[in-house]
N, C-alpha and C. Protein backbone atom coordinates (compact mmCIF):
# COMPACT_ATOMS: atom_id res chain seq x y z
N MET A 1 -51.62 -33.26 1.15
CA MET A 1 -50.45 -32.56 0.76
C MET A 1 -49.85 -33.25 -0.45
N SER A 2 -49.67 -32.49 -1.49
CA SER A 2 -49.13 -33.10 -2.71
C SER A 2 -47.63 -32.85 -2.79
N PRO A 3 -46.92 -33.80 -3.34
CA PRO A 3 -45.47 -33.60 -3.49
C PRO A 3 -45.22 -32.46 -4.47
N ARG A 4 -44.23 -31.65 -4.15
CA ARG A 4 -43.91 -30.50 -4.99
C ARG A 4 -42.97 -30.92 -6.09
N THR A 5 -43.26 -30.50 -7.29
CA THR A 5 -42.38 -30.83 -8.40
C THR A 5 -41.47 -29.64 -8.68
N VAL A 6 -40.27 -29.95 -9.05
CA VAL A 6 -39.29 -28.91 -9.35
C VAL A 6 -39.15 -28.86 -10.86
N SER A 7 -39.29 -27.67 -11.39
CA SER A 7 -39.19 -27.54 -12.84
C SER A 7 -37.72 -27.52 -13.26
N ARG A 8 -37.49 -27.88 -14.48
CA ARG A 8 -36.14 -27.86 -15.02
C ARG A 8 -35.62 -26.43 -15.09
N ALA A 9 -36.49 -25.49 -15.37
CA ALA A 9 -36.08 -24.08 -15.45
C ALA A 9 -35.62 -23.58 -14.08
N GLY A 10 -36.31 -24.02 -13.02
CA GLY A 10 -35.92 -23.62 -11.66
C GLY A 10 -34.56 -24.18 -11.28
N VAL A 11 -34.33 -25.43 -11.63
CA VAL A 11 -33.03 -26.06 -11.35
C VAL A 11 -31.94 -25.34 -12.13
N ALA A 12 -32.19 -25.05 -13.41
CA ALA A 12 -31.20 -24.37 -14.24
C ALA A 12 -30.89 -22.97 -13.70
N ALA A 13 -31.92 -22.25 -13.25
CA ALA A 13 -31.71 -20.91 -12.70
C ALA A 13 -30.90 -20.98 -11.41
N THR A 14 -31.15 -21.97 -10.58
CA THR A 14 -30.41 -22.13 -9.34
C THR A 14 -28.94 -22.45 -9.62
N ILE A 15 -28.70 -23.35 -10.55
CA ILE A 15 -27.33 -23.71 -10.92
C ILE A 15 -26.61 -22.49 -11.51
N ALA A 16 -27.30 -21.74 -12.36
CA ALA A 16 -26.70 -20.54 -12.95
C ALA A 16 -26.33 -19.52 -11.87
N ALA A 17 -27.20 -19.33 -10.90
CA ALA A 17 -26.93 -18.38 -9.82
C ALA A 17 -25.72 -18.82 -9.01
N VAL A 18 -25.64 -20.09 -8.70
CA VAL A 18 -24.50 -20.61 -7.94
C VAL A 18 -23.21 -20.42 -8.73
N LEU A 19 -23.24 -20.68 -10.03
CA LEU A 19 -22.05 -20.52 -10.87
C LEU A 19 -21.62 -19.05 -10.94
N VAL A 20 -22.57 -18.13 -11.02
CA VAL A 20 -22.25 -16.70 -11.05
C VAL A 20 -21.59 -16.28 -9.74
N ILE A 21 -22.12 -16.74 -8.63
CA ILE A 21 -21.54 -16.41 -7.32
C ILE A 21 -20.13 -16.98 -7.21
N MET A 22 -19.94 -18.21 -7.64
CA MET A 22 -18.62 -18.83 -7.59
C MET A 22 -17.64 -18.09 -8.49
N ALA A 23 -18.08 -17.70 -9.68
CA ALA A 23 -17.20 -16.96 -10.59
C ALA A 23 -16.82 -15.61 -9.99
N GLY A 24 -17.76 -14.96 -9.32
CA GLY A 24 -17.48 -13.69 -8.66
C GLY A 24 -16.44 -13.84 -7.56
N LEU A 25 -16.56 -14.89 -6.75
CA LEU A 25 -15.59 -15.13 -5.68
C LEU A 25 -14.22 -15.45 -6.24
N VAL A 26 -14.17 -16.19 -7.35
CA VAL A 26 -12.89 -16.51 -7.96
C VAL A 26 -12.26 -15.25 -8.54
N THR A 27 -13.06 -14.44 -9.22
CA THR A 27 -12.55 -13.23 -9.87
C THR A 27 -12.20 -12.15 -8.86
N LEU A 28 -13.10 -11.84 -7.95
CA LEU A 28 -12.91 -10.74 -7.03
C LEU A 28 -12.31 -11.16 -5.70
N GLY A 29 -12.40 -12.41 -5.37
CA GLY A 29 -11.91 -12.88 -4.08
C GLY A 29 -12.99 -12.75 -3.02
N THR A 30 -12.68 -13.28 -1.89
CA THR A 30 -13.63 -13.23 -0.78
C THR A 30 -13.62 -11.84 -0.16
N PRO A 31 -14.63 -11.51 0.61
CA PRO A 31 -14.62 -10.21 1.29
C PRO A 31 -13.39 -10.00 2.18
N SER A 32 -12.89 -11.06 2.80
CA SER A 32 -11.71 -10.89 3.66
C SER A 32 -10.47 -10.59 2.82
N ARG A 33 -10.38 -11.18 1.64
CA ARG A 33 -9.24 -10.86 0.74
C ARG A 33 -9.35 -9.42 0.24
N ALA A 34 -10.55 -8.97 -0.02
CA ALA A 34 -10.74 -7.58 -0.46
C ALA A 34 -10.33 -6.63 0.66
N ARG A 35 -10.65 -6.96 1.89
CA ARG A 35 -10.25 -6.14 3.04
C ARG A 35 -8.73 -6.12 3.17
N GLU A 36 -8.09 -7.27 2.98
CA GLU A 36 -6.63 -7.34 3.04
C GLU A 36 -6.00 -6.46 1.96
N ARG A 37 -6.56 -6.49 0.74
CA ARG A 37 -6.05 -5.65 -0.35
C ARG A 37 -6.16 -4.17 0.02
N LYS A 38 -7.27 -3.80 0.61
CA LYS A 38 -7.47 -2.41 1.00
C LYS A 38 -6.46 -1.99 2.06
N LEU A 39 -6.25 -2.84 3.07
CA LEU A 39 -5.27 -2.54 4.11
C LEU A 39 -3.86 -2.44 3.53
N ASP A 40 -3.52 -3.33 2.61
CA ASP A 40 -2.21 -3.26 1.97
C ASP A 40 -2.06 -1.97 1.17
N GLY A 41 -3.13 -1.52 0.53
CA GLY A 41 -3.09 -0.26 -0.19
C GLY A 41 -2.84 0.91 0.75
N LEU A 42 -3.45 0.88 1.93
CA LEU A 42 -3.21 1.92 2.93
C LEU A 42 -1.77 1.89 3.42
N ARG A 43 -1.21 0.69 3.57
CA ARG A 43 0.18 0.57 4.01
C ARG A 43 1.12 1.20 2.97
N LEU A 44 0.86 0.88 1.70
CA LEU A 44 1.70 1.46 0.64
C LEU A 44 1.57 2.98 0.61
N GLU A 45 0.36 3.48 0.77
CA GLU A 45 0.14 4.92 0.80
C GLU A 45 0.95 5.55 1.93
N ASP A 46 0.92 4.94 3.11
CA ASP A 46 1.69 5.45 4.25
C ASP A 46 3.19 5.45 3.94
N LEU A 47 3.69 4.36 3.37
CA LEU A 47 5.13 4.28 3.08
C LEU A 47 5.53 5.32 2.03
N ARG A 48 4.69 5.53 1.04
CA ARG A 48 4.99 6.54 0.01
C ARG A 48 5.03 7.94 0.63
N ARG A 49 4.09 8.22 1.48
CA ARG A 49 4.09 9.54 2.15
C ARG A 49 5.33 9.70 3.02
N LEU A 50 5.67 8.65 3.76
CA LEU A 50 6.88 8.72 4.59
C LEU A 50 8.11 8.96 3.74
N ALA A 51 8.24 8.23 2.65
CA ALA A 51 9.40 8.41 1.76
C ALA A 51 9.45 9.84 1.24
N ASN A 52 8.30 10.37 0.89
CA ASN A 52 8.22 11.74 0.40
C ASN A 52 8.70 12.72 1.46
N ARG A 53 8.25 12.53 2.69
CA ARG A 53 8.62 13.43 3.79
C ARG A 53 10.09 13.27 4.18
N ILE A 54 10.58 12.04 4.15
CA ILE A 54 12.00 11.81 4.46
C ILE A 54 12.87 12.48 3.40
N ASP A 55 12.47 12.35 2.13
CA ASP A 55 13.22 13.00 1.06
C ASP A 55 13.21 14.52 1.21
N GLY A 56 12.07 15.07 1.60
CA GLY A 56 11.98 16.50 1.84
C GLY A 56 12.86 16.93 3.00
N TYR A 57 12.90 16.15 4.05
CA TYR A 57 13.76 16.42 5.21
C TYR A 57 15.22 16.44 4.75
N TRP A 58 15.59 15.44 3.96
CA TRP A 58 16.96 15.36 3.45
C TRP A 58 17.32 16.62 2.66
N THR A 59 16.42 17.07 1.83
CA THR A 59 16.69 18.24 1.00
C THR A 59 16.90 19.49 1.86
N LYS A 60 16.13 19.63 2.93
CA LYS A 60 16.24 20.80 3.80
C LYS A 60 17.40 20.69 4.79
N GLN A 61 17.62 19.51 5.33
CA GLN A 61 18.59 19.34 6.42
C GLN A 61 19.94 18.78 5.96
N ALA A 62 20.02 18.26 4.74
CA ALA A 62 21.22 17.58 4.23
C ALA A 62 21.60 16.40 5.13
N ALA A 63 20.61 15.81 5.74
CA ALA A 63 20.80 14.63 6.59
C ALA A 63 19.47 13.88 6.66
N LEU A 64 19.56 12.63 6.98
CA LEU A 64 18.35 11.83 7.17
C LEU A 64 17.86 12.02 8.60
N PRO A 65 16.55 11.92 8.84
CA PRO A 65 16.05 12.01 10.21
C PRO A 65 16.55 10.82 11.04
N GLN A 66 16.75 11.06 12.32
CA GLN A 66 17.18 9.99 13.23
C GLN A 66 16.08 8.94 13.39
N SER A 67 14.84 9.43 13.39
CA SER A 67 13.68 8.55 13.56
C SER A 67 12.49 9.21 12.89
N LEU A 68 11.39 8.48 12.81
CA LEU A 68 10.18 9.07 12.25
C LEU A 68 9.64 10.16 13.16
N ASP A 69 9.91 10.06 14.46
CA ASP A 69 9.51 11.11 15.39
C ASP A 69 10.18 12.44 15.05
N SER A 70 11.38 12.39 14.47
CA SER A 70 12.08 13.62 14.05
C SER A 70 11.28 14.36 12.99
N LEU A 71 10.55 13.63 12.16
CA LEU A 71 9.71 14.26 11.14
C LEU A 71 8.56 15.02 11.78
N VAL A 72 8.05 14.49 12.87
CA VAL A 72 6.97 15.17 13.60
C VAL A 72 7.53 16.41 14.30
N ALA A 73 8.68 16.25 14.93
CA ALA A 73 9.29 17.35 15.69
C ALA A 73 9.62 18.54 14.80
N THR A 74 9.96 18.27 13.53
CA THR A 74 10.32 19.36 12.61
C THR A 74 9.13 19.84 11.79
N GLY A 75 7.95 19.30 12.05
CA GLY A 75 6.75 19.74 11.34
C GLY A 75 6.56 19.14 9.97
N ASN A 76 7.34 18.12 9.63
CA ASN A 76 7.18 17.45 8.34
C ASN A 76 6.02 16.46 8.33
N LEU A 77 5.61 16.04 9.51
CA LEU A 77 4.47 15.13 9.68
C LEU A 77 3.65 15.60 10.88
N ASP A 78 2.34 15.40 10.82
CA ASP A 78 1.48 15.68 11.98
C ASP A 78 1.64 14.60 13.04
N ARG A 79 1.78 13.36 12.57
CA ARG A 79 1.93 12.22 13.47
C ARG A 79 2.61 11.11 12.70
N VAL A 80 3.24 10.21 13.41
CA VAL A 80 3.88 9.06 12.77
C VAL A 80 2.77 8.09 12.38
N PRO A 81 2.67 7.73 11.11
CA PRO A 81 1.62 6.78 10.71
C PRO A 81 1.89 5.39 11.26
N THR A 82 0.83 4.67 11.49
CA THR A 82 0.94 3.30 11.99
C THR A 82 0.18 2.36 11.06
N ASP A 83 0.51 1.11 11.16
CA ASP A 83 -0.16 0.08 10.37
C ASP A 83 -1.66 0.13 10.66
N PRO A 84 -2.50 0.11 9.62
CA PRO A 84 -3.95 0.24 9.85
C PRO A 84 -4.58 -0.92 10.61
N GLN A 85 -3.89 -2.04 10.69
CA GLN A 85 -4.47 -3.18 11.39
C GLN A 85 -3.81 -3.39 12.76
N SER A 86 -2.49 -3.44 12.78
CA SER A 86 -1.79 -3.72 14.05
C SER A 86 -1.57 -2.45 14.88
N HIS A 87 -1.67 -1.30 14.25
CA HIS A 87 -1.45 0.00 14.90
C HIS A 87 -0.01 0.18 15.39
N GLN A 88 0.89 -0.64 14.87
CA GLN A 88 2.31 -0.50 15.18
C GLN A 88 2.95 0.45 14.16
N PRO A 89 3.95 1.24 14.58
CA PRO A 89 4.61 2.13 13.62
C PRO A 89 5.37 1.30 12.58
N TYR A 90 5.52 1.89 11.41
CA TYR A 90 6.31 1.24 10.36
C TYR A 90 7.78 1.31 10.75
N THR A 91 8.56 0.41 10.21
CA THR A 91 9.99 0.39 10.51
C THR A 91 10.72 1.36 9.59
N TYR A 92 11.52 2.22 10.20
CA TYR A 92 12.39 3.15 9.48
C TYR A 92 13.80 2.98 10.02
N LEU A 93 14.77 2.91 9.11
CA LEU A 93 16.15 2.78 9.52
C LEU A 93 17.03 3.51 8.52
N ALA A 94 17.83 4.46 9.00
CA ALA A 94 18.84 5.08 8.14
C ALA A 94 19.95 4.04 7.98
N THR A 95 20.21 3.63 6.75
CA THR A 95 21.18 2.57 6.51
C THR A 95 22.52 3.10 6.03
N GLY A 96 22.59 4.38 5.77
CA GLY A 96 23.83 5.02 5.32
C GLY A 96 23.65 6.52 5.41
N GLU A 97 24.66 7.25 4.96
CA GLU A 97 24.56 8.70 5.02
C GLU A 97 23.41 9.22 4.16
N ARG A 98 23.17 8.54 3.04
CA ARG A 98 22.10 8.96 2.13
C ARG A 98 21.25 7.77 1.67
N SER A 99 20.97 6.87 2.56
CA SER A 99 20.11 5.73 2.23
C SER A 99 19.32 5.32 3.47
N TYR A 100 18.13 4.83 3.22
CA TYR A 100 17.28 4.42 4.33
C TYR A 100 16.37 3.29 3.89
N ARG A 101 15.76 2.66 4.87
CA ARG A 101 14.88 1.52 4.64
C ARG A 101 13.55 1.77 5.34
N LEU A 102 12.47 1.49 4.62
CA LEU A 102 11.12 1.51 5.18
C LEU A 102 10.54 0.11 5.06
N CYS A 103 9.91 -0.37 6.12
CA CYS A 103 9.35 -1.73 6.11
C CYS A 103 7.91 -1.72 6.61
N ALA A 104 7.13 -2.65 6.07
CA ALA A 104 5.75 -2.87 6.51
C ALA A 104 5.45 -4.35 6.33
N THR A 105 4.43 -4.81 7.02
CA THR A 105 3.99 -6.20 6.88
C THR A 105 2.72 -6.23 6.07
N PHE A 106 2.75 -6.94 4.95
CA PHE A 106 1.63 -7.00 4.01
C PHE A 106 0.90 -8.33 4.11
N ALA A 107 -0.39 -8.28 3.91
CA ALA A 107 -1.23 -9.49 3.99
C ALA A 107 -1.17 -10.30 2.70
N GLN A 108 -0.94 -9.61 1.57
CA GLN A 108 -0.93 -10.26 0.26
C GLN A 108 0.23 -9.72 -0.56
N PRO A 109 0.71 -10.50 -1.54
CA PRO A 109 1.73 -9.95 -2.42
C PRO A 109 1.11 -8.88 -3.31
N SER A 110 1.96 -7.97 -3.80
CA SER A 110 1.44 -6.92 -4.67
C SER A 110 0.90 -7.53 -5.96
N ASP A 111 -0.05 -6.86 -6.54
CA ASP A 111 -0.69 -7.28 -7.77
C ASP A 111 0.23 -6.92 -8.92
N THR A 112 0.70 -7.91 -9.65
CA THR A 112 1.64 -7.66 -10.75
C THR A 112 1.02 -6.86 -11.88
N SER A 113 -0.30 -6.78 -11.94
CA SER A 113 -0.94 -6.01 -13.01
C SER A 113 -1.14 -4.55 -12.64
N ASP A 114 -0.80 -4.17 -11.40
CA ASP A 114 -0.99 -2.80 -10.95
C ASP A 114 0.22 -1.96 -11.31
N ALA A 115 0.10 -1.14 -12.35
CA ALA A 115 1.22 -0.33 -12.84
C ALA A 115 1.68 0.70 -11.81
N SER A 116 0.79 1.17 -10.94
CA SER A 116 1.17 2.19 -9.97
C SER A 116 2.15 1.67 -8.93
N ILE A 117 2.27 0.35 -8.80
CA ILE A 117 3.21 -0.24 -7.86
C ILE A 117 4.65 0.08 -8.29
N ASN A 118 4.87 0.30 -9.58
CA ASN A 118 6.21 0.54 -10.08
C ASN A 118 6.63 1.99 -10.05
N SER A 119 5.77 2.87 -9.64
CA SER A 119 6.06 4.28 -9.75
C SER A 119 5.74 4.99 -8.46
N ASP A 120 6.28 6.18 -8.33
CA ASP A 120 5.95 6.99 -7.17
C ASP A 120 4.81 7.96 -7.47
N ASP A 121 4.25 7.91 -8.68
CA ASP A 121 3.04 8.67 -8.96
C ASP A 121 1.89 7.85 -8.41
N PHE A 122 1.04 8.44 -7.62
CA PHE A 122 0.01 7.64 -6.98
C PHE A 122 -1.19 8.48 -6.61
N THR A 123 -2.27 7.79 -6.31
CA THR A 123 -3.48 8.42 -5.82
C THR A 123 -3.72 7.94 -4.40
N PHE A 124 -3.89 8.89 -3.46
CA PHE A 124 -4.15 8.51 -2.09
C PHE A 124 -5.55 7.92 -1.98
N ALA A 125 -5.78 7.16 -0.92
CA ALA A 125 -7.08 6.53 -0.71
C ALA A 125 -8.20 7.56 -0.61
N ASN A 126 -7.88 8.78 -0.17
CA ASN A 126 -8.92 9.80 -0.06
C ASN A 126 -9.23 10.48 -1.38
N GLY A 127 -8.56 10.04 -2.47
CA GLY A 127 -8.85 10.57 -3.80
C GLY A 127 -7.89 11.63 -4.27
N SER A 128 -7.10 12.22 -3.37
CA SER A 128 -6.13 13.22 -3.82
C SER A 128 -4.94 12.49 -4.44
N SER A 129 -4.25 13.16 -5.33
CA SER A 129 -3.12 12.51 -5.97
C SER A 129 -1.83 13.12 -5.46
N GLY A 130 -0.75 12.44 -5.71
CA GLY A 130 0.54 12.94 -5.28
C GLY A 130 1.63 12.42 -6.18
N VAL A 131 2.73 13.11 -6.17
CA VAL A 131 3.91 12.66 -6.89
C VAL A 131 5.04 12.70 -5.88
N ALA A 132 5.76 11.62 -5.79
CA ALA A 132 6.83 11.58 -4.81
C ALA A 132 7.86 12.64 -5.11
N PHE A 133 8.57 13.02 -4.09
CA PHE A 133 9.56 14.09 -4.17
C PHE A 133 10.54 13.83 -5.31
N ALA A 134 10.77 14.82 -6.12
CA ALA A 134 11.74 14.78 -7.22
C ALA A 134 11.40 13.72 -8.27
N ASN A 135 10.20 13.20 -8.25
CA ASN A 135 9.75 12.22 -9.24
C ASN A 135 10.67 11.02 -9.38
N GLN A 136 11.22 10.57 -8.28
CA GLN A 136 12.07 9.39 -8.34
C GLN A 136 11.21 8.17 -8.60
N THR A 137 11.69 7.32 -9.48
CA THR A 137 10.96 6.08 -9.76
C THR A 137 11.45 5.01 -8.81
N HIS A 138 10.51 4.30 -8.24
CA HIS A 138 10.85 3.23 -7.31
C HIS A 138 9.77 2.16 -7.39
N SER A 139 10.17 0.92 -7.33
CA SER A 139 9.20 -0.17 -7.32
C SER A 139 8.73 -0.41 -5.90
N TRP A 140 7.42 -0.47 -5.74
CA TRP A 140 6.83 -0.77 -4.45
C TRP A 140 6.27 -2.19 -4.43
N ARG A 141 6.78 -3.06 -5.30
CA ARG A 141 6.33 -4.45 -5.29
C ARG A 141 6.76 -5.11 -3.98
N HIS A 142 5.90 -5.99 -3.49
CA HIS A 142 6.16 -6.63 -2.21
C HIS A 142 5.55 -8.01 -2.18
N GLY A 143 6.04 -8.82 -1.28
CA GLY A 143 5.50 -10.15 -1.07
C GLY A 143 4.57 -10.13 0.14
N THR A 144 4.16 -11.32 0.56
CA THR A 144 3.37 -11.46 1.76
C THR A 144 4.31 -11.43 2.96
N GLY A 145 3.87 -10.81 4.03
CA GLY A 145 4.71 -10.70 5.22
C GLY A 145 5.52 -9.42 5.18
N GLU A 146 6.57 -9.37 5.99
CA GLU A 146 7.37 -8.14 6.07
C GLU A 146 8.13 -7.92 4.76
N SER A 147 8.00 -6.73 4.23
CA SER A 147 8.73 -6.30 3.04
C SER A 147 9.38 -4.97 3.33
N CYS A 148 10.64 -4.85 2.92
CA CYS A 148 11.38 -3.62 3.14
C CYS A 148 11.78 -3.01 1.81
N PHE A 149 11.85 -1.70 1.79
CA PHE A 149 12.18 -0.94 0.59
C PHE A 149 13.40 -0.09 0.90
N ASP A 150 14.47 -0.31 0.15
CA ASP A 150 15.69 0.48 0.31
C ASP A 150 15.60 1.69 -0.60
N LEU A 151 15.68 2.87 0.01
CA LEU A 151 15.44 4.11 -0.71
C LEU A 151 16.61 5.08 -0.54
N THR A 152 16.69 6.01 -1.47
CA THR A 152 17.72 7.05 -1.45
C THR A 152 17.06 8.37 -1.77
N PRO A 153 17.29 9.41 -0.95
CA PRO A 153 16.71 10.72 -1.27
C PRO A 153 17.33 11.28 -2.56
N PRO A 154 16.66 12.24 -3.15
CA PRO A 154 17.19 12.80 -4.40
C PRO A 154 18.47 13.59 -4.16
N VAL A 155 19.28 13.65 -5.19
CA VAL A 155 20.50 14.43 -5.13
C VAL A 155 20.11 15.90 -5.21
N LYS A 156 20.70 16.72 -4.35
CA LYS A 156 20.42 18.15 -4.38
C LYS A 156 21.02 18.74 -5.65
N THR A 157 20.23 19.53 -6.31
CA THR A 157 20.73 20.21 -7.50
C THR A 157 20.87 21.69 -7.17
N SER A 158 22.00 22.26 -7.54
CA SER A 158 22.20 23.68 -7.27
C SER A 158 21.74 24.48 -8.48
N LYS A 159 21.08 25.59 -8.21
CA LYS A 159 20.54 26.40 -9.30
C LYS A 159 21.27 27.70 -9.39
């Protein structure tokens, strides 16, 4: 049995491959971080839809719903959405006659380079797009952990 020699080209190729993999993990993150980003995106999508439906309820009823179940009872929602990981409902609270709060728990802070976080124009995870009711601009930036968004339905305009 003869000792195996390792060529310099083989060592260089191995080092290059390791560096490429490391650069990919640094740039894209680990698979678990990618999964967390996806779940956070679903949470934001749910909150945006809820805000849209709550605003629509306000426009029709001139009042905020008592609970998210009220949106189901009136046909504004098929079901109350829940967190994609914990399966717990999102927090909704009417904080005033025309103000409310929606809360969710996020795994990661929002990406500061994502322009869609600052707007209610968005694309759902299933590829369809949407514009929040009355095109109200709202920042959906959030930190890690529970984040709440204080929202106000649009002012009714008489025609």
